[in-house]
Amino acid sequence: MTTNNTEVISDNQVHLLDELQTLLEKQVALARQGNIREVEVLSKQAGSLVEQIIQTGTPDSPEALLKAEQREQLGKLYEDLCLAISAQKAGVCTELKQVLKGKKTIQAYRSHI
């Protein structure tokens, strides 16, 4: 909604956006701790919030409801979340490679006994 070229956001929309920001912050922290299971649980809640935000927004442009600074903050949090998840994925891949290498070593040792 706009009034005299000023963006107006309802209290409900502000609450939903604040909740989304809080969830993203929690997801980033959990991803950095390696708790991907909880990140997934919170992602379902975040998805639900996004749907509610879209439904309460104007059909023409839900993004117009966000202030530029809040849009940037949410975007940064999402990028941080993606980076944290990617880092966890890389760590898991490295560990898996080490496990497979150890398994091959044990199999080679057993075959020569």
C-alpha atoms as a PDB file:
ATOM      1  CA  MET A   1       0.000   0.000   0.000  1.00  0.00           C
ATOM      2  CA  THR A   2       1.187   3.509  -0.672  1.00  0.00           C
ATOM      3  CA  THR A   3      -0.067   6.823   0.575  1.00  0.00           C
ATOM      4  CA  ASN A   4       1.310   9.969  -1.062  1.00  0.00           C
ATOM      5  CA  ASN A   5       4.299   7.957  -2.364  1.00  0.00           C
ATOM      6  CA  THR A   6       5.060   6.725   1.174  1.00  0.00           C
ATOM      7  CA  GLU A   7       5.093   3.001   1.824  1.00  0.00           C
ATOM      8  CA  VAL A   8       2.612   1.890   4.430  1.00  0.00           C
ATOM      9  CA  ILE A   9       2.919  -1.534   5.987  1.00  0.00           C
ATOM     10  CA  SER A  10       0.235  -2.962   8.245  1.00  0.00           C
ATOM     11  CA  ASP A  11       1.116  -4.042  11.776  1.00  0.00           C
ATOM     12  CA  ASN A  12       0.478  -7.657  10.784  1.00  0.00           C
ATOM     13  CA  GLN A  13       2.888  -7.393   7.859  1.00  0.00           C
ATOM     14  CA  VAL A  14       5.553  -5.814  10.080  1.00  0.00           C
ATOM     15  CA  HIS A  15       5.080  -8.637  12.578  1.00  0.00           C
ATOM     16  CA  LEU A  16       5.364 -11.284   9.845  1.00  0.00           C
ATOM     17  CA  LEU A  17       8.504  -9.679   8.413  1.00  0.00           C
ATOM     18  CA  ASP A  18      10.075  -9.430  11.859  1.00  0.00           C
ATOM     19  CA  GLU A  19       9.238 -13.077  12.492  1.00  0.00           C
ATOM     20  CA  LEU A  20      10.803 -14.060   9.163  1.00  0.00           C
ATOM     21  CA  GLN A  21      13.951 -12.133  10.008  1.00  0.00           C
ATOM     22  CA  THR A  22      14.159 -13.832  13.414  1.00  0.00           C
ATOM     23  CA  LEU A  23      13.715 -17.268  11.825  1.00  0.00           C
ATOM     24  CA  LEU A  24      16.439 -16.563   9.273  1.00  0.00           C
ATOM     25  CA  GLU A  25      18.798 -15.428  12.039  1.00  0.00           C
ATOM     26  CA  LYS A  26      18.095 -18.650  13.973  1.00  0.00           C
ATOM     27  CA  GLN A  27      18.643 -20.727  10.833  1.00  0.00           C
ATOM     28  CA  VAL A  28      22.001 -19.074  10.171  1.00  0.00           C
ATOM     29  CA  ALA A  29      23.131 -19.723  13.760  1.00  0.00           C
ATOM     30  CA  LEU A  30      21.964 -23.344  13.637  1.00  0.00           C
ATOM     31  CA  ALA A  31      23.596 -23.944  10.250  1.00  0.00           C
ATOM     32  CA  ARG A  32      26.891 -22.595  11.553  1.00  0.00           C
ATOM     33  CA  GLN A  33      26.606 -25.021  14.482  1.00  0.00           C
ATOM     34  CA  GLY A  34      25.976 -27.881  12.072  1.00  0.00           C
ATOM     35  CA  ASN A  35      22.380 -28.463  13.175  1.00  0.00           C
ATOM     36  CA  ILE A  36      20.923 -28.870   9.693  1.00  0.00           C
ATOM     37  CA  ARG A  37      17.905 -30.833  10.937  1.00  0.00           C
ATOM     38  CA  GLU A  38      16.676 -27.828  12.921  1.00  0.00           C
ATOM     39  CA  VAL A  39      17.403 -25.553   9.948  1.00  0.00           C
ATOM     40  CA  GLU A  40      15.035 -27.710   7.901  1.00  0.00           C
ATOM     41  CA  VAL A  41      12.332 -27.504  10.562  1.00  0.00           C
ATOM     42  CA  LEU A  42      12.621 -23.728  10.672  1.00  0.00           C
ATOM     43  CA  SER A  43      12.643 -23.516   6.870  1.00  0.00           C
ATOM     44  CA  LYS A  44       9.119 -24.925   6.811  1.00  0.00           C
ATOM     45  CA  GLN A  45       8.033 -22.214   9.238  1.00  0.00           C
ATOM     46  CA  ALA A  46       9.822 -19.576   7.159  1.00  0.00           C
ATOM     47  CA  GLY A  47       8.082 -20.821   4.018  1.00  0.00           C
ATOM     48  CA  SER A  48       4.739 -20.506   5.755  1.00  0.00           C
ATOM     49  CA  LEU A  49       5.585 -16.956   6.816  1.00  0.00           C
ATOM     50  CA  VAL A  50       6.572 -16.039   3.269  1.00  0.00           C
ATOM     51  CA  GLU A  51       3.210 -17.338   2.040  1.00  0.00           C
ATOM     52  CA  GLN A  52       1.413 -15.238   4.658  1.00  0.00           C
ATOM     53  CA  ILE A  53       3.448 -12.171   3.697  1.00  0.00           C
ATOM     54  CA  ILE A  54       2.563 -12.673   0.049  1.00  0.00           C
ATOM     55  CA  GLN A  55      -1.132 -13.120   0.885  1.00  0.00           C
ATOM     56  CA  THR A  56      -1.253  -9.944   2.979  1.00  0.00           C
ATOM     57  CA  GLY A  57       0.655  -7.927   0.384  1.00  0.00           C
ATOM     58  CA  THR A  58      -0.658  -6.258  -2.718  1.00  0.00           C
ATOM     59  CA  PRO A  59      -1.031  -8.716  -5.602  1.00  0.00           C
ATOM     60  CA  ASP A  60       0.892  -6.422  -7.937  1.00  0.00           C
ATOM     61  CA  SER A  61       4.108  -6.246  -5.949  1.00  0.00           C
ATOM     62  CA  PRO A  62       4.606  -7.914  -2.567  1.00  0.00           C
ATOM     63  CA  GLU A  63       8.202  -6.682  -2.592  1.00  0.00           C
ATOM     64  CA  ALA A  64       6.953  -3.094  -2.576  1.00  0.00           C
ATOM     65  CA  LEU A  65       5.854  -3.702   0.993  1.00  0.00           C
ATOM     66  CA  LEU A  66       9.396  -4.127   2.209  1.00  0.00           C
ATOM     67  CA  LYS A  67      11.479  -1.147   3.081  1.00  0.00           C
ATOM     68  CA  ALA A  68      14.752  -1.150   1.175  1.00  0.00           C
ATOM     69  CA  GLU A  69      16.843  -1.687   4.311  1.00  0.00           C
ATOM     70  CA  GLN A  70      14.696  -4.573   5.500  1.00  0.00           C
ATOM     71  CA  ARG A  71      14.788  -6.155   2.048  1.00  0.00           C
ATOM     72  CA  GLU A  72      18.594  -5.897   2.096  1.00  0.00           C
ATOM     73  CA  GLN A  73      18.756  -7.375   5.600  1.00  0.00           C
ATOM     74  CA  LEU A  74      16.549 -10.331   4.655  1.00  0.00           C
ATOM     75  CA  GLY A  75      18.590 -10.871   1.496  1.00  0.00           C
ATOM     76  CA  LYS A  76      21.829 -10.813   3.471  1.00  0.00           C
ATOM     77  CA  LEU A  77      20.472 -13.268   6.015  1.00  0.00           C
ATOM     78  CA  TYR A  78      19.382 -15.595   3.227  1.00  0.00           C
ATOM     79  CA  GLU A  79      22.849 -15.375   1.630  1.00  0.00           C
ATOM     80  CA  ASP A  80      24.462 -16.068   5.025  1.00  0.00           C
ATOM     81  CA  LEU A  81      22.210 -19.080   5.440  1.00  0.00           C
ATOM     82  CA  CYS A  82      23.153 -20.415   2.004  1.00  0.00           C
ATOM     83  CA  LEU A  83      26.856 -19.939   2.777  1.00  0.00           C
ATOM     84  CA  ALA A  84      26.564 -21.642   6.162  1.00  0.00           C
ATOM     85  CA  ILE A  85      24.726 -24.602   4.639  1.00  0.00           C
ATOM     86  CA  SER A  86      27.284 -24.819   1.826  1.00  0.00           C
ATOM     87  CA  ALA A  87      30.101 -24.820   4.375  1.00  0.00           C
ATOM     88  CA  GLN A  88      28.419 -27.635   6.295  1.00  0.00           C
ATOM     89  CA  LYS A  89      27.914 -29.560   3.072  1.00  0.00           C
ATOM     90  CA  ALA A  90      31.594 -29.152   2.166  1.00  0.00           C
ATOM     91  CA  GLY A  91      32.598 -30.359   5.623  1.00  0.00           C
ATOM     92  CA  VAL A  92      30.358 -33.410   5.361  1.00  0.00           C
ATOM     93  CA  CYS A  93      31.737 -34.203   1.902  1.00  0.00           C
ATOM     94  CA  THR A  94      35.305 -34.014   3.236  1.00  0.00           C
ATOM     95  CA  GLU A  95      34.450 -36.295   6.138  1.00  0.00           C
ATOM     96  CA  LEU A  96      32.711 -38.745   3.816  1.00  0.00           C
ATOM     97  CA  LYS A  97      35.766 -38.873   1.555  1.00  0.00           C
ATOM     98  CA  GLN A  98      37.941 -39.617   4.590  1.00  0.00           C
ATOM     99  CA  VAL A  99      35.603 -42.397   5.708  1.00  0.00           C
ATOM    100  CA  LEU A 100      35.582 -43.940   2.228  1.00  0.00           C
ATOM    101  CA  LYS A 101      39.374 -43.740   2.033  1.00  0.00           C
ATOM    102  CA  GLY A 102      39.623 -45.460   5.422  1.00  0.00           C
ATOM    103  CA  LYS A 103      37.157 -48.128   4.303  1.00  0.00           C
ATOM    104  CA  LYS A 104      39.212 -48.820   1.168  1.00  0.00           C
ATOM    105  CA  THR A 105      42.385 -49.045   3.269  1.00  0.00           C
ATOM    106  CA  ILE A 106      40.763 -51.564   5.608  1.00  0.00           C
ATOM    107  CA  GLN A 107      39.435 -53.591   2.653  1.00  0.00           C
ATOM    108  CA  ALA A 108      42.925 -53.629   1.066  1.00  0.00           C
ATOM    109  CA  TYR A 109      44.465 -54.701   4.368  1.00  0.00           C
ATOM    110  CA  ARG A 110      41.911 -57.501   4.802  1.00  0.00           C
ATOM    111  CA  SER A 111      42.451 -58.789   1.276  1.00  0.00           C
ATOM    112  CA  HIS A 112      46.201 -59.194   1.916  1.00  0.00           C
ATOM    113  CA  ILE A 113      45.838 -61.113   5.172  1.00  0.00           C
END
